[in-house]
Amino acid sequence: MLGGVVVNLILGFIIYSAVLFTWGEKFLPSKNLTDGIWCVDSIATDIGFRNGDKILSIGNVEPERFEDIYREIIFGGTVKVMRNNQIDSFVVPSDFVGNLIKERSVTLFYPRVPFIVREIPDTSLNKGSGLQPRDQVVSINQVPVRYYDEYLSIVDTLQPGAVNVESTPRRANGSPWH
């Protein structure tokens, strides 16, 4: 009888290990945010975050995962960031959680992403422009645009009509053509 219990315990451990090994746990390590964060809510900028900040610590805790950043911010404290290749710090205001609840916003920022064309629909005005899926936009009307948030900051200033877009073609694996 004891042999059956032991075999079931060992079999359960093997099955659990195989499931964890096959599907595992997926997360974004904070150290992999090489381009920093993109502030998608004004609450984030009101606290002191800026687009491109690389979060080093919050309240003397280094967040291991991107999603850990939210948990640490709620507890407040001093935030250390790498901004423009310099370490900067600011304190999360004590009324931050109240503002977050009042605004009902749960997404303060995303990982900062390059401006890469996903697709060009047949109905798009850009269909015959030369842009291709996976092209990375590098400038619009000679204004450097490396990240999507930079595009969003200038899109309202663009005049209707022809727009000069400079892009870098990318391979299927995401690396630029050379």
N, C-alpha and C. Protein backbone atom coordinates (compact mmCIF):
# COMPACT_ATOMS: atom_id res chain seq x y z
N MET A 1 0.82 -1.18 0.00
CA MET A 1 0.00 0.00 0.00
C MET A 1 0.87 1.26 0.00
N LEU A 2 1.93 1.28 0.75
CA LEU A 2 2.83 2.42 0.80
C LEU A 2 3.52 2.60 -0.55
N GLY A 3 3.78 1.51 -1.25
CA GLY A 3 4.43 1.58 -2.57
C GLY A 3 3.56 2.33 -3.57
N GLY A 4 2.26 2.14 -3.52
CA GLY A 4 1.36 2.84 -4.43
C GLY A 4 1.36 4.35 -4.20
N VAL A 5 1.40 4.76 -2.95
CA VAL A 5 1.43 6.18 -2.61
C VAL A 5 2.73 6.81 -3.10
N VAL A 6 3.84 6.13 -2.89
CA VAL A 6 5.15 6.64 -3.31
C VAL A 6 5.21 6.74 -4.84
N VAL A 7 4.74 5.73 -5.54
CA VAL A 7 4.74 5.75 -7.00
C VAL A 7 3.86 6.89 -7.51
N ASN A 8 2.69 7.10 -6.92
CA ASN A 8 1.82 8.21 -7.34
C ASN A 8 2.49 9.56 -7.09
N LEU A 9 3.19 9.69 -5.97
CA LEU A 9 3.88 10.92 -5.65
C LEU A 9 4.99 11.19 -6.68
N ILE A 10 5.77 10.18 -6.99
CA ILE A 10 6.85 10.33 -7.97
C ILE A 10 6.27 10.61 -9.35
N LEU A 11 5.22 9.90 -9.75
CA LEU A 11 4.58 10.13 -11.05
C LEU A 11 4.03 11.55 -11.14
N GLY A 12 3.39 12.05 -10.08
CA GLY A 12 2.88 13.42 -10.07
C GLY A 12 4.00 14.43 -10.22
N PHE A 13 5.12 14.20 -9.55
CA PHE A 13 6.27 15.09 -9.66
C PHE A 13 6.81 15.10 -11.09
N ILE A 14 6.89 13.94 -11.72
CA ILE A 14 7.39 13.85 -13.10
C ILE A 14 6.44 14.56 -14.06
N ILE A 15 5.14 14.36 -13.91
CA ILE A 15 4.17 15.01 -14.80
C ILE A 15 4.22 16.53 -14.61
N TYR A 16 4.25 17.00 -13.37
CA TYR A 16 4.32 18.44 -13.11
C TYR A 16 5.59 19.03 -13.70
N SER A 17 6.72 18.34 -13.54
CA SER A 17 7.99 18.82 -14.11
C SER A 17 7.93 18.89 -15.63
N ALA A 18 7.32 17.89 -16.26
CA ALA A 18 7.21 17.88 -17.72
C ALA A 18 6.34 19.02 -18.22
N VAL A 19 5.23 19.29 -17.54
CA VAL A 19 4.34 20.38 -17.92
C VAL A 19 5.06 21.72 -17.76
N LEU A 20 5.73 21.91 -16.64
CA LEU A 20 6.45 23.16 -16.40
C LEU A 20 7.59 23.34 -17.41
N PHE A 21 8.28 22.25 -17.74
CA PHE A 21 9.37 22.33 -18.71
C PHE A 21 8.84 22.65 -20.10
N THR A 22 7.71 22.05 -20.48
CA THR A 22 7.16 22.24 -21.82
C THR A 22 6.56 23.63 -22.01
N TRP A 23 5.68 24.04 -21.11
CA TRP A 23 4.99 25.32 -21.27
C TRP A 23 5.62 26.41 -20.42
N GLY A 24 6.09 26.05 -19.28
CA GLY A 24 6.82 26.98 -18.42
C GLY A 24 6.05 28.23 -18.05
N GLU A 25 6.78 29.16 -17.52
CA GLU A 25 6.22 30.44 -17.12
C GLU A 25 6.89 31.50 -17.97
N LYS A 26 6.09 32.34 -18.60
CA LYS A 26 6.63 33.36 -19.49
C LYS A 26 6.46 34.73 -18.86
N PHE A 27 7.56 35.49 -18.83
CA PHE A 27 7.50 36.84 -18.30
C PHE A 27 8.62 37.65 -18.94
N LEU A 28 8.52 38.96 -18.81
CA LEU A 28 9.52 39.87 -19.35
C LEU A 28 10.41 40.35 -18.21
N PRO A 29 11.68 39.92 -18.18
CA PRO A 29 12.58 40.42 -17.14
C PRO A 29 12.80 41.92 -17.30
N SER A 30 12.82 42.64 -16.20
CA SER A 30 13.02 44.09 -16.25
C SER A 30 14.34 44.46 -16.92
N LYS A 31 15.35 43.63 -16.73
CA LYS A 31 16.66 43.93 -17.33
C LYS A 31 16.61 43.86 -18.86
N ASN A 32 15.58 43.22 -19.43
CA ASN A 32 15.45 43.14 -20.88
C ASN A 32 14.72 44.33 -21.49
N LEU A 33 14.33 45.29 -20.67
CA LEU A 33 13.69 46.50 -21.19
C LEU A 33 14.80 47.43 -21.69
N THR A 34 15.47 47.04 -22.74
CA THR A 34 16.64 47.78 -23.23
C THR A 34 16.27 49.17 -23.73
N ASP A 35 15.04 49.35 -24.20
CA ASP A 35 14.60 50.65 -24.69
C ASP A 35 13.78 51.40 -23.65
N GLY A 36 13.66 50.85 -22.45
CA GLY A 36 12.93 51.51 -21.38
C GLY A 36 11.43 51.31 -21.48
N ILE A 37 10.71 52.26 -20.89
CA ILE A 37 9.25 52.17 -20.84
C ILE A 37 8.62 53.24 -21.71
N TRP A 38 7.36 53.00 -22.03
CA TRP A 38 6.54 53.96 -22.78
C TRP A 38 5.37 54.33 -21.88
N CYS A 39 5.31 55.56 -21.43
CA CYS A 39 4.24 56.04 -20.55
C CYS A 39 2.97 56.22 -21.37
N VAL A 40 1.98 55.38 -21.12
CA VAL A 40 0.74 55.44 -21.90
C VAL A 40 -0.37 56.15 -21.15
N ASP A 41 -0.12 56.55 -19.92
CA ASP A 41 -1.12 57.26 -19.14
C ASP A 41 -0.48 58.47 -18.49
N SER A 42 -1.21 59.56 -18.42
CA SER A 42 -0.66 60.80 -17.85
C SER A 42 -0.33 60.64 -16.37
N ILE A 43 -0.95 59.68 -15.70
CA ILE A 43 -0.63 59.45 -14.29
C ILE A 43 0.84 59.06 -14.15
N ALA A 44 1.35 58.27 -15.09
CA ALA A 44 2.76 57.86 -15.04
C ALA A 44 3.68 59.07 -15.15
N THR A 45 3.37 59.98 -16.06
CA THR A 45 4.23 61.17 -16.20
C THR A 45 4.04 62.13 -15.03
N ASP A 46 2.83 62.17 -14.45
CA ASP A 46 2.60 63.00 -13.27
C ASP A 46 3.44 62.52 -12.08
N ILE A 47 3.63 61.22 -11.96
CA ILE A 47 4.45 60.67 -10.88
C ILE A 47 5.91 61.07 -11.07
N GLY A 48 6.35 61.09 -12.34
CA GLY A 48 7.75 61.43 -12.61
C GLY A 48 8.40 60.57 -13.67
N PHE A 49 7.69 59.56 -14.18
CA PHE A 49 8.25 58.71 -15.23
C PHE A 49 8.27 59.46 -16.56
N ARG A 50 9.20 59.10 -17.43
CA ARG A 50 9.31 59.66 -18.78
C ARG A 50 9.51 58.50 -19.75
N ASN A 51 9.07 58.70 -20.99
CA ASN A 51 9.29 57.69 -22.02
C ASN A 51 10.79 57.41 -22.12
N GLY A 52 11.15 56.14 -22.17
CA GLY A 52 12.55 55.75 -22.29
C GLY A 52 13.23 55.47 -20.96
N ASP A 53 12.56 55.77 -19.84
CA ASP A 53 13.17 55.48 -18.54
C ASP A 53 13.41 53.99 -18.39
N LYS A 54 14.57 53.65 -17.84
CA LYS A 54 14.87 52.27 -17.47
C LYS A 54 14.82 52.21 -15.95
N ILE A 55 13.87 51.48 -15.42
CA ILE A 55 13.63 51.46 -13.98
C ILE A 55 14.67 50.57 -13.31
N LEU A 56 15.44 51.17 -12.41
CA LEU A 56 16.49 50.45 -11.70
C LEU A 56 15.99 49.90 -10.37
N SER A 57 15.24 50.72 -9.63
CA SER A 57 14.71 50.24 -8.35
C SER A 57 13.52 51.12 -7.93
N ILE A 58 12.68 50.52 -7.10
CA ILE A 58 11.54 51.23 -6.53
C ILE A 58 11.54 50.90 -5.04
N GLY A 59 11.75 51.92 -4.22
CA GLY A 59 11.83 51.67 -2.78
C GLY A 59 12.95 50.72 -2.43
N ASN A 60 14.09 50.85 -3.06
CA ASN A 60 15.28 49.99 -2.86
C ASN A 60 15.05 48.54 -3.25
N VAL A 61 14.02 48.26 -4.03
CA VAL A 61 13.75 46.91 -4.54
C VAL A 61 13.93 46.95 -6.06
N GLU A 62 14.77 46.07 -6.57
CA GLU A 62 14.95 45.96 -8.02
C GLU A 62 13.90 45.01 -8.57
N PRO A 63 12.95 45.51 -9.36
CA PRO A 63 11.91 44.61 -9.90
C PRO A 63 12.53 43.61 -10.87
N GLU A 64 12.26 42.33 -10.61
CA GLU A 64 12.80 41.28 -11.47
C GLU A 64 12.04 41.20 -12.80
N ARG A 65 10.72 41.38 -12.73
CA ARG A 65 9.86 41.27 -13.90
C ARG A 65 9.20 42.62 -14.20
N PHE A 66 8.81 42.80 -15.45
CA PHE A 66 8.12 44.03 -15.83
C PHE A 66 6.86 44.21 -15.01
N GLU A 67 6.09 43.14 -14.81
CA GLU A 67 4.83 43.26 -14.06
C GLU A 67 5.07 43.54 -12.58
N ASP A 68 6.26 43.26 -12.06
CA ASP A 68 6.58 43.58 -10.66
C ASP A 68 6.63 45.09 -10.42
N ILE A 69 6.87 45.85 -11.47
CA ILE A 69 6.99 47.31 -11.34
C ILE A 69 5.70 47.89 -10.76
N TYR A 70 4.55 47.42 -11.23
CA TYR A 70 3.27 47.93 -10.74
C TYR A 70 3.11 47.67 -9.25
N ARG A 71 3.44 46.47 -8.82
CA ARG A 71 3.29 46.11 -7.41
C ARG A 71 4.19 46.98 -6.53
N GLU A 72 5.40 47.22 -6.97
CA GLU A 72 6.33 48.02 -6.17
C GLU A 72 5.91 49.50 -6.12
N ILE A 73 5.37 50.00 -7.23
CA ILE A 73 4.95 51.41 -7.27
C ILE A 73 3.82 51.67 -6.27
N ILE A 74 2.91 50.71 -6.13
CA ILE A 74 1.78 50.89 -5.22
C ILE A 74 2.27 51.12 -3.79
N PHE A 75 3.37 50.46 -3.41
CA PHE A 75 3.91 50.64 -2.06
C PHE A 75 4.69 51.95 -1.93
N GLY A 76 4.95 52.59 -3.07
CA GLY A 76 5.60 53.90 -3.05
C GLY A 76 7.08 53.84 -2.75
N GLY A 77 7.61 55.00 -2.45
CA GLY A 77 9.03 55.09 -2.16
C GLY A 77 9.77 55.81 -3.26
N THR A 78 11.08 55.78 -3.16
CA THR A 78 11.92 56.45 -4.14
C THR A 78 12.14 55.55 -5.34
N VAL A 79 11.96 56.11 -6.53
CA VAL A 79 12.17 55.38 -7.78
C VAL A 79 13.48 55.86 -8.40
N LYS A 80 14.36 54.91 -8.71
CA LYS A 80 15.60 55.23 -9.41
C LYS A 80 15.46 54.76 -10.85
N VAL A 81 15.75 55.66 -11.78
CA VAL A 81 15.67 55.33 -13.20
C VAL A 81 16.95 55.76 -13.91
N MET A 82 17.23 55.10 -15.02
CA MET A 82 18.28 55.54 -15.92
C MET A 82 17.59 56.34 -17.00
N ARG A 83 17.92 57.64 -17.06
CA ARG A 83 17.28 58.55 -18.00
C ARG A 83 18.38 59.32 -18.72
N ASN A 84 18.40 59.20 -20.04
CA ASN A 84 19.43 59.87 -20.85
C ASN A 84 20.84 59.55 -20.35
N ASN A 85 21.07 58.27 -20.06
CA ASN A 85 22.37 57.76 -19.60
C ASN A 85 22.81 58.34 -18.26
N GLN A 86 21.87 58.83 -17.46
CA GLN A 86 22.18 59.34 -16.12
C GLN A 86 21.16 58.78 -15.15
N ILE A 87 21.63 58.48 -13.94
CA ILE A 87 20.72 57.98 -12.91
C ILE A 87 19.96 59.15 -12.32
N ASP A 88 18.65 59.03 -12.28
CA ASP A 88 17.77 60.06 -11.74
C ASP A 88 16.85 59.38 -10.74
N SER A 89 16.31 60.13 -9.82
CA SER A 89 15.37 59.55 -8.85
C SER A 89 14.26 60.54 -8.54
N PHE A 90 13.13 59.99 -8.12
CA PHE A 90 11.99 60.79 -7.70
C PHE A 90 11.16 59.96 -6.73
N VAL A 91 10.31 60.61 -5.98
CA VAL A 91 9.49 59.94 -4.98
C VAL A 91 8.06 59.83 -5.50
N VAL A 92 7.49 58.63 -5.39
CA VAL A 92 6.10 58.42 -5.78
C VAL A 92 5.22 59.14 -4.75
N PRO A 93 4.33 60.05 -5.19
CA PRO A 93 3.49 60.80 -4.25
C PRO A 93 2.58 59.88 -3.43
N SER A 94 2.26 60.32 -2.24
CA SER A 94 1.43 59.50 -1.35
C SER A 94 0.01 59.34 -1.87
N ASP A 95 -0.48 60.28 -2.71
CA ASP A 95 -1.84 60.19 -3.23
C ASP A 95 -1.92 59.43 -4.56
N PHE A 96 -0.84 58.77 -4.93
CA PHE A 96 -0.79 58.05 -6.21
C PHE A 96 -1.88 56.99 -6.32
N VAL A 97 -2.03 56.15 -5.31
CA VAL A 97 -3.02 55.06 -5.38
C VAL A 97 -4.43 55.64 -5.50
N GLY A 98 -4.71 56.73 -4.80
CA GLY A 98 -6.02 57.38 -4.91
C GLY A 98 -6.29 57.87 -6.31
N ASN A 99 -5.29 58.48 -6.95
CA ASN A 99 -5.45 58.94 -8.35
C ASN A 99 -5.65 57.76 -9.28
N LEU A 100 -4.95 56.68 -9.02
CA LEU A 100 -5.07 55.49 -9.87
C LEU A 100 -6.47 54.91 -9.77
N ILE A 101 -7.00 54.85 -8.57
CA ILE A 101 -8.35 54.32 -8.38
C ILE A 101 -9.38 55.27 -8.99
N LYS A 102 -9.19 56.58 -8.79
CA LYS A 102 -10.14 57.57 -9.32
C LYS A 102 -10.18 57.53 -10.84
N GLU A 103 -9.04 57.40 -11.49
CA GLU A 103 -8.97 57.37 -12.95
C GLU A 103 -9.35 56.01 -13.52
N ARG A 104 -9.33 55.00 -12.67
CA ARG A 104 -9.64 53.62 -13.08
C ARG A 104 -8.74 53.14 -14.21
N SER A 105 -7.54 53.63 -14.22
CA SER A 105 -6.56 53.21 -15.22
C SER A 105 -5.62 52.20 -14.59
N VAL A 106 -5.44 51.08 -15.26
CA VAL A 106 -4.54 50.07 -14.71
C VAL A 106 -3.24 49.99 -15.50
N THR A 107 -3.20 50.53 -16.67
CA THR A 107 -1.99 50.48 -17.49
C THR A 107 -1.32 51.84 -17.48
N LEU A 108 -0.19 51.90 -16.80
CA LEU A 108 0.57 53.15 -16.75
C LEU A 108 1.59 53.22 -17.87
N PHE A 109 2.21 52.09 -18.16
CA PHE A 109 3.21 52.06 -19.22
C PHE A 109 3.36 50.66 -19.80
N TYR A 110 3.92 50.64 -20.99
CA TYR A 110 4.27 49.42 -21.71
C TYR A 110 5.78 49.41 -21.91
N PRO A 111 6.31 48.26 -22.28
CA PRO A 111 7.70 48.28 -22.74
C PRO A 111 7.78 49.14 -24.00
N ARG A 112 8.81 49.94 -24.13
CA ARG A 112 8.97 50.82 -25.30
C ARG A 112 9.33 49.96 -26.51
N VAL A 113 8.62 50.19 -27.60
CA VAL A 113 8.82 49.36 -28.79
C VAL A 113 9.18 50.23 -30.00
N PRO A 114 10.04 49.71 -30.87
CA PRO A 114 10.34 50.44 -32.11
C PRO A 114 9.09 50.54 -32.98
N PHE A 115 9.06 51.54 -33.85
CA PHE A 115 7.93 51.75 -34.76
C PHE A 115 8.15 50.86 -35.98
N ILE A 116 7.54 49.68 -35.96
CA ILE A 116 7.67 48.71 -37.05
C ILE A 116 6.30 48.50 -37.68
N VAL A 117 6.26 48.57 -39.01
CA VAL A 117 5.01 48.41 -39.75
C VAL A 117 4.58 46.95 -39.65
N ARG A 118 3.36 46.73 -39.18
CA ARG A 118 2.84 45.37 -39.06
C ARG A 118 2.27 44.89 -40.39
N GLU A 119 1.40 45.72 -40.98
CA GLU A 119 0.78 45.37 -42.25
C GLU A 119 0.32 46.64 -42.95
N ILE A 120 0.07 46.53 -44.24
CA ILE A 120 -0.48 47.63 -45.02
C ILE A 120 -1.71 47.09 -45.74
N PRO A 121 -2.90 47.41 -45.22
CA PRO A 121 -4.12 46.89 -45.83
C PRO A 121 -4.29 47.38 -47.27
N ASP A 122 -5.03 46.63 -48.06
CA ASP A 122 -5.29 47.01 -49.46
C ASP A 122 -6.03 48.34 -49.55
N THR A 123 -6.78 48.70 -48.52
CA THR A 123 -7.54 49.94 -48.53
C THR A 123 -6.73 51.14 -48.04
N SER A 124 -5.49 50.92 -47.62
CA SER A 124 -4.66 51.99 -47.07
C SER A 124 -4.14 52.92 -48.16
N LEU A 125 -4.01 54.20 -47.84
CA LEU A 125 -3.40 55.17 -48.76
C LEU A 125 -1.92 54.86 -48.97
N ASN A 126 -1.34 54.09 -48.08
CA ASN A 126 0.09 53.75 -48.15
C ASN A 126 0.35 52.49 -48.97
N LYS A 127 -0.68 51.91 -49.60
CA LYS A 127 -0.53 50.64 -50.31
C LYS A 127 0.59 50.70 -51.36
N GLY A 128 0.67 51.73 -52.15
CA GLY A 128 1.69 51.81 -53.20
C GLY A 128 2.88 52.67 -52.83
N SER A 129 3.05 52.95 -51.54
CA SER A 129 4.09 53.90 -51.12
C SER A 129 5.48 53.29 -51.05
N GLY A 130 5.58 51.97 -51.06
CA GLY A 130 6.88 51.33 -50.91
C GLY A 130 7.10 50.76 -49.53
N LEU A 131 6.27 51.15 -48.56
CA LEU A 131 6.38 50.56 -47.22
C LEU A 131 5.97 49.10 -47.29
N GLN A 132 6.67 48.27 -46.54
CA GLN A 132 6.39 46.84 -46.49
C GLN A 132 6.22 46.41 -45.04
N PRO A 133 5.49 45.32 -44.81
CA PRO A 133 5.42 44.78 -43.45
C PRO A 133 6.83 44.51 -42.93
N ARG A 134 7.04 44.78 -41.66
CA ARG A 134 8.31 44.63 -40.94
C ARG A 134 9.29 45.77 -41.18
N ASP A 135 8.94 46.78 -41.99
CA ASP A 135 9.81 47.95 -42.13
C ASP A 135 9.81 48.71 -40.81
N GLN A 136 10.97 49.22 -40.41
CA GLN A 136 11.05 50.04 -39.22
C GLN A 136 11.15 51.50 -39.63
N VAL A 137 10.19 52.31 -39.18
CA VAL A 137 10.18 53.73 -39.50
C VAL A 137 11.29 54.41 -38.69
N VAL A 138 12.12 55.20 -39.38
CA VAL A 138 13.22 55.91 -38.70
C VAL A 138 13.03 57.42 -38.71
N SER A 139 12.23 57.95 -39.64
CA SER A 139 11.93 59.38 -39.62
C SER A 139 10.66 59.65 -40.42
N ILE A 140 9.99 60.74 -40.05
CA ILE A 140 8.82 61.23 -40.76
C ILE A 140 9.05 62.71 -41.01
N ASN A 141 9.06 63.10 -42.29
CA ASN A 141 9.35 64.49 -42.67
C ASN A 141 10.65 64.98 -42.03
N GLN A 142 11.67 64.14 -42.09
CA GLN A 142 13.01 64.41 -41.55
C GLN A 142 13.05 64.57 -40.03
N VAL A 143 12.00 64.23 -39.32
CA VAL A 143 11.99 64.23 -37.87
C VAL A 143 12.27 62.79 -37.42
N PRO A 144 13.36 62.57 -36.65
CA PRO A 144 13.66 61.20 -36.21
C PRO A 144 12.52 60.60 -35.40
N VAL A 145 12.14 59.39 -35.76
CA VAL A 145 11.06 58.67 -35.08
C VAL A 145 11.54 57.24 -34.94
N ARG A 146 12.09 56.90 -33.78
CA ARG A 146 12.57 55.54 -33.57
C ARG A 146 11.51 54.66 -32.91
N TYR A 147 10.71 55.28 -32.03
CA TYR A 147 9.72 54.51 -31.27
C TYR A 147 8.31 54.97 -31.61
N TYR A 148 7.36 54.07 -31.37
CA TYR A 148 5.98 54.36 -31.68
C TYR A 148 5.46 55.55 -30.87
N ASP A 149 5.90 55.69 -29.62
CA ASP A 149 5.43 56.83 -28.82
C ASP A 149 5.92 58.15 -29.41
N GLU A 150 7.08 58.16 -30.07
CA GLU A 150 7.56 59.38 -30.72
C GLU A 150 6.68 59.73 -31.92
N TYR A 151 6.22 58.71 -32.63
CA TYR A 151 5.29 58.93 -33.74
C TYR A 151 3.99 59.55 -33.21
N LEU A 152 3.46 58.99 -32.12
CA LEU A 152 2.21 59.51 -31.57
C LEU A 152 2.34 60.97 -31.15
N SER A 153 3.54 61.39 -30.74
CA SER A 153 3.72 62.77 -30.29
C SER A 153 3.76 63.77 -31.45
N ILE A 154 4.01 63.28 -32.69
CA ILE A 154 4.06 64.22 -33.83
C ILE A 154 2.93 64.03 -34.83
N VAL A 155 2.16 62.96 -34.72
CA VAL A 155 1.16 62.65 -35.74
C VAL A 155 0.14 63.77 -35.92
N ASP A 156 -0.23 64.46 -34.85
CA ASP A 156 -1.22 65.54 -34.96
C ASP A 156 -0.64 66.79 -35.63
N THR A 157 0.67 66.88 -35.72
CA THR A 157 1.29 68.06 -36.35
C THR A 157 1.49 67.88 -37.84
N LEU A 158 1.27 66.66 -38.35
CA LEU A 158 1.48 66.40 -39.78
C LEU A 158 0.36 67.00 -40.61
N GLN A 159 0.72 67.66 -41.69
CA GLN A 159 -0.25 68.26 -42.59
C GLN A 159 -0.81 67.18 -43.53
N PRO A 160 -2.08 67.28 -43.89
CA PRO A 160 -2.65 66.32 -44.84
C PRO A 160 -1.90 66.40 -46.18
N GLY A 161 -1.79 65.25 -46.83
CA GLY A 161 -1.09 65.20 -48.11
C GLY A 161 0.11 64.29 -48.03
N ALA A 162 1.07 64.56 -48.87
CA ALA A 162 2.26 63.72 -48.94
C ALA A 162 3.10 63.87 -47.68
N VAL A 163 3.53 62.74 -47.14
CA VAL A 163 4.39 62.70 -45.97
C VAL A 163 5.62 61.87 -46.34
N ASN A 164 6.79 62.40 -46.05
CA ASN A 164 8.03 61.71 -46.35
C ASN A 164 8.39 60.78 -45.19
N VAL A 165 8.34 59.46 -45.44
CA VAL A 165 8.64 58.47 -44.41
C VAL A 165 9.90 57.73 -44.83
N GLU A 166 10.88 57.73 -43.93
CA GLU A 166 12.11 56.96 -44.18
C GLU A 166 12.04 55.72 -43.29
N SER A 167 12.33 54.57 -43.89
CA SER A 167 12.24 53.33 -43.13
C SER A 167 13.42 52.44 -43.46
N THR A 168 13.64 51.47 -42.57
CA THR A 168 14.67 50.46 -42.75
C THR A 168 13.97 49.13 -42.96
N PRO A 169 14.19 48.49 -44.13
CA PRO A 169 13.57 47.17 -44.33
C PRO A 169 14.10 46.17 -43.31
N ARG A 170 13.24 45.22 -42.90
CA ARG A 170 13.65 44.22 -41.92
C ARG A 170 13.37 42.84 -42.47
N ARG A 171 14.19 41.89 -42.07
CA ARG A 171 14.00 40.49 -42.46
C ARG A 171 12.88 39.87 -41.66
N ALA A 172 12.50 38.68 -42.06
CA ALA A 172 11.43 37.96 -41.35
C ALA A 172 11.81 37.71 -39.90
N ASN A 173 13.12 37.55 -39.58
CA ASN A 173 13.52 37.29 -38.22
C ASN A 173 13.62 38.56 -37.38
N GLY A 174 13.35 39.74 -37.99
CA GLY A 174 13.35 40.99 -37.26
C GLY A 174 14.63 41.79 -37.36
N SER A 175 15.69 41.20 -37.90
CA SER A 175 16.93 41.96 -38.01
C SER A 175 16.92 42.82 -39.26
N PRO A 176 17.60 43.99 -39.22
CA PRO A 176 17.59 44.88 -40.39
C PRO A 176 18.40 44.30 -41.54
N TRP A 177 18.00 44.69 -42.77
CA TRP A 177 18.76 44.30 -43.94
C TRP A 177 20.08 45.07 -43.91
N HIS A 178 21.13 44.46 -44.39
CA HIS A 178 22.44 45.16 -44.47
C HIS A 178 22.91 45.16 -45.90
